Amino acid sequence: MPAVQVFYEGHVQGVGFRYSVKQIAKGFDVIGSVRNLVDGRVELQAGGEPAEVEAFLAAIGDSELRAHIKAQTRHVVELPPGTRGFQITHE
């Protein structure tokens, strides 16, 4: 399934970023994951209907998390087969 991968930069670790993203995801019909990276960024992958994914990403940008985001980079990716729900993953 085509999906979007977003790398968030800024003060995005240690502030409940992943938990907040997971809570926001509950309001949308999206699947995927969010995780911390060792370089201090947070990686999000989200799939679903394009309009739903865009609304989900907009909701993240409109939430209290925007104060922590200094930059973001987007790419189109494929979600692994069998991806279900939206979860926090760990390395």
C-alpha atoms as a PDB file:
ATOM      1  CA  MET A   1       0.000   0.000   0.000  1.00  0.00           C
ATOM      2  CA  PRO A   2       1.409   3.408  -0.875  1.00  0.00           C
ATOM      3  CA  ALA A   3       2.039   5.509   2.187  1.00  0.00           C
ATOM      4  CA  VAL A   4       3.771   8.645   3.316  1.00  0.00           C
ATOM      5  CA  GLN A   5       6.921   8.662   5.425  1.00  0.00           C
ATOM      6  CA  VAL A   6       7.553  11.830   7.417  1.00  0.00           C
ATOM      7  CA  PHE A   7      10.695  12.632   9.375  1.00  0.00           C
ATOM      8  CA  TYR A   8      10.077  15.217  12.094  1.00  0.00           C
ATOM      9  CA  GLU A   9      12.991  17.256  13.431  1.00  0.00           C
ATOM     10  CA  GLY A  10      13.212  19.546  16.437  1.00  0.00           C
ATOM     11  CA  HIS A  11      12.515  18.824  20.097  1.00  0.00           C
ATOM     12  CA  VAL A  12      10.465  15.753  19.184  1.00  0.00           C
ATOM     13  CA  GLN A  13      11.815  13.148  21.596  1.00  0.00           C
ATOM     14  CA  GLY A  14      11.125  13.025  25.313  1.00  0.00           C
ATOM     15  CA  VAL A  15       7.985  15.168  25.011  1.00  0.00           C
ATOM     16  CA  GLY A  16       5.301  12.514  24.406  1.00  0.00           C
ATOM     17  CA  PHE A  17       5.427  13.039  20.642  1.00  0.00           C
ATOM     18  CA  ARG A  18       4.859   9.401  19.669  1.00  0.00           C
ATOM     19  CA  TYR A  19       2.053   8.924  22.184  1.00  0.00           C
ATOM     20  CA  SER A  20       0.326  12.102  20.980  1.00  0.00           C
ATOM     21  CA  VAL A  21       0.611  11.011  17.331  1.00  0.00           C
ATOM     22  CA  LYS A  22      -0.904   7.637  18.219  1.00  0.00           C
ATOM     23  CA  GLN A  23      -3.788   9.381  20.004  1.00  0.00           C
ATOM     24  CA  ILE A  24      -4.383  11.631  16.979  1.00  0.00           C
ATOM     25  CA  ALA A  25      -4.329   8.570  14.677  1.00  0.00           C
ATOM     26  CA  LYS A  26      -7.340   7.130  16.547  1.00  0.00           C
ATOM     27  CA  GLY A  27      -9.483   9.813  14.915  1.00  0.00           C
ATOM     28  CA  PHE A  28      -8.507   8.805  11.387  1.00  0.00           C
ATOM     29  CA  ASP A  29      -8.752   5.721   9.203  1.00  0.00           C
ATOM     30  CA  VAL A  30      -4.977   5.300   8.819  1.00  0.00           C
ATOM     31  CA  ILE A  31      -2.510   2.513   9.431  1.00  0.00           C
ATOM     32  CA  GLY A  32       1.208   2.713  10.104  1.00  0.00           C
ATOM     33  CA  SER A  33       3.661   3.510  12.844  1.00  0.00           C
ATOM     34  CA  VAL A  34       5.694   6.162  14.595  1.00  0.00           C
ATOM     35  CA  ARG A  35       9.137   5.690  16.157  1.00  0.00           C
ATOM     36  CA  ASN A  36      12.119   7.557  17.583  1.00  0.00           C
ATOM     37  CA  LEU A  37      15.349   7.462  15.597  1.00  0.00           C
ATOM     38  CA  VAL A  38      18.822   7.448  17.150  1.00  0.00           C
ATOM     39  CA  ASP A  39      19.660  10.764  15.465  1.00  0.00           C
ATOM     40  CA  GLY A  40      16.931  12.586  17.446  1.00  0.00           C
ATOM     41  CA  ARG A  41      14.275  12.635  14.732  1.00  0.00           C
ATOM     42  CA  VAL A  42      10.894  10.898  14.787  1.00  0.00           C
ATOM     43  CA  GLU A  43       9.798   8.806  11.812  1.00  0.00           C
ATOM     44  CA  LEU A  44       6.123   8.408  10.956  1.00  0.00           C
ATOM     45  CA  GLN A  45       4.705   6.118   8.277  1.00  0.00           C
ATOM     46  CA  ALA A  46       1.016   6.368   7.480  1.00  0.00           C
ATOM     47  CA  GLY A  47      -1.136   4.734   4.845  1.00  0.00           C
ATOM     48  CA  GLY A  48      -4.778   4.902   3.876  1.00  0.00           C
ATOM     49  CA  GLU A  49      -6.938   6.934   1.547  1.00  0.00           C
ATOM     50  CA  PRO A  50      -4.853   9.945   0.454  1.00  0.00           C
ATOM     51  CA  ALA A  51      -7.365  12.497   1.789  1.00  0.00           C
ATOM     52  CA  GLU A  52      -7.485  10.705   5.145  1.00  0.00           C
ATOM     53  CA  VAL A  53      -3.679  10.590   5.410  1.00  0.00           C
ATOM     54  CA  GLU A  54      -3.461  14.297   4.542  1.00  0.00           C
ATOM     55  CA  ALA A  55      -6.084  15.137   7.174  1.00  0.00           C
ATOM     56  CA  PHE A  56      -4.152  13.071   9.744  1.00  0.00           C
ATOM     57  CA  LEU A  57      -0.897  14.886   8.961  1.00  0.00           C
ATOM     58  CA  ALA A  58      -2.694  18.236   9.103  1.00  0.00           C
ATOM     59  CA  ALA A  59      -4.105  17.325  12.525  1.00  0.00           C
ATOM     60  CA  ILE A  60      -0.570  16.601  13.765  1.00  0.00           C
ATOM     61  CA  GLY A  61       0.554  19.984  12.444  1.00  0.00           C
ATOM     62  CA  ASP A  62      -2.401  21.725  14.087  1.00  0.00           C
ATOM     63  CA  SER A  63      -1.894  20.021  17.466  1.00  0.00           C
ATOM     64  CA  GLU A  64       0.272  21.098  20.389  1.00  0.00           C
ATOM     65  CA  LEU A  65       3.073  19.101  18.716  1.00  0.00           C
ATOM     66  CA  ARG A  66       3.664  21.939  16.230  1.00  0.00           C
ATOM     67  CA  ALA A  67       5.645  23.781  18.931  1.00  0.00           C
ATOM     68  CA  HIS A  68       8.195  20.934  18.909  1.00  0.00           C
ATOM     69  CA  ILE A  69       8.524  20.525  15.134  1.00  0.00           C
ATOM     70  CA  LYS A  70      11.265  22.604  13.502  1.00  0.00           C
ATOM     71  CA  ALA A  71      11.361  20.781  10.157  1.00  0.00           C
ATOM     72  CA  GLN A  72       9.761  17.855   8.400  1.00  0.00           C
ATOM     73  CA  THR A  73      10.630  15.848   5.307  1.00  0.00           C
ATOM     74  CA  ARG A  74       8.122  13.718   3.377  1.00  0.00           C
ATOM     75  CA  HIS A  75       8.590  10.750   1.050  1.00  0.00           C
ATOM     76  CA  VAL A  76       6.260   8.265  -0.615  1.00  0.00           C
ATOM     77  CA  VAL A  77       6.945   4.690   0.563  1.00  0.00           C
ATOM     78  CA  GLU A  78       5.264   1.295   0.633  1.00  0.00           C
ATOM     79  CA  LEU A  79       4.015  -0.040   3.958  1.00  0.00           C
ATOM     80  CA  PRO A  80       5.116  -3.584   4.773  1.00  0.00           C
ATOM     81  CA  PRO A  81       2.526  -6.222   3.837  1.00  0.00           C
ATOM     82  CA  GLY A  82       0.238  -7.097   6.713  1.00  0.00           C
ATOM     83  CA  THR A  83       0.479  -3.685   8.407  1.00  0.00           C
ATOM     84  CA  ARG A  84      -2.535  -3.231  10.675  1.00  0.00           C
ATOM     85  CA  GLY A  85      -3.588  -0.433  12.954  1.00  0.00           C
ATOM     86  CA  PHE A  86      -1.374   2.432  14.008  1.00  0.00           C
ATOM     87  CA  GLN A  87       1.354   1.721  16.537  1.00  0.00           C
ATOM     88  CA  ILE A  88       4.423   3.017  18.278  1.00  0.00           C
ATOM     89  CA  THR A  89       7.408   0.899  17.275  1.00  0.00           C
ATOM     90  CA  HIS A  90      10.824   0.585  18.859  1.00  0.00           C
ATOM     91  CA  GLU A  91      14.214  -0.249  17.377  1.00  0.00           C
END
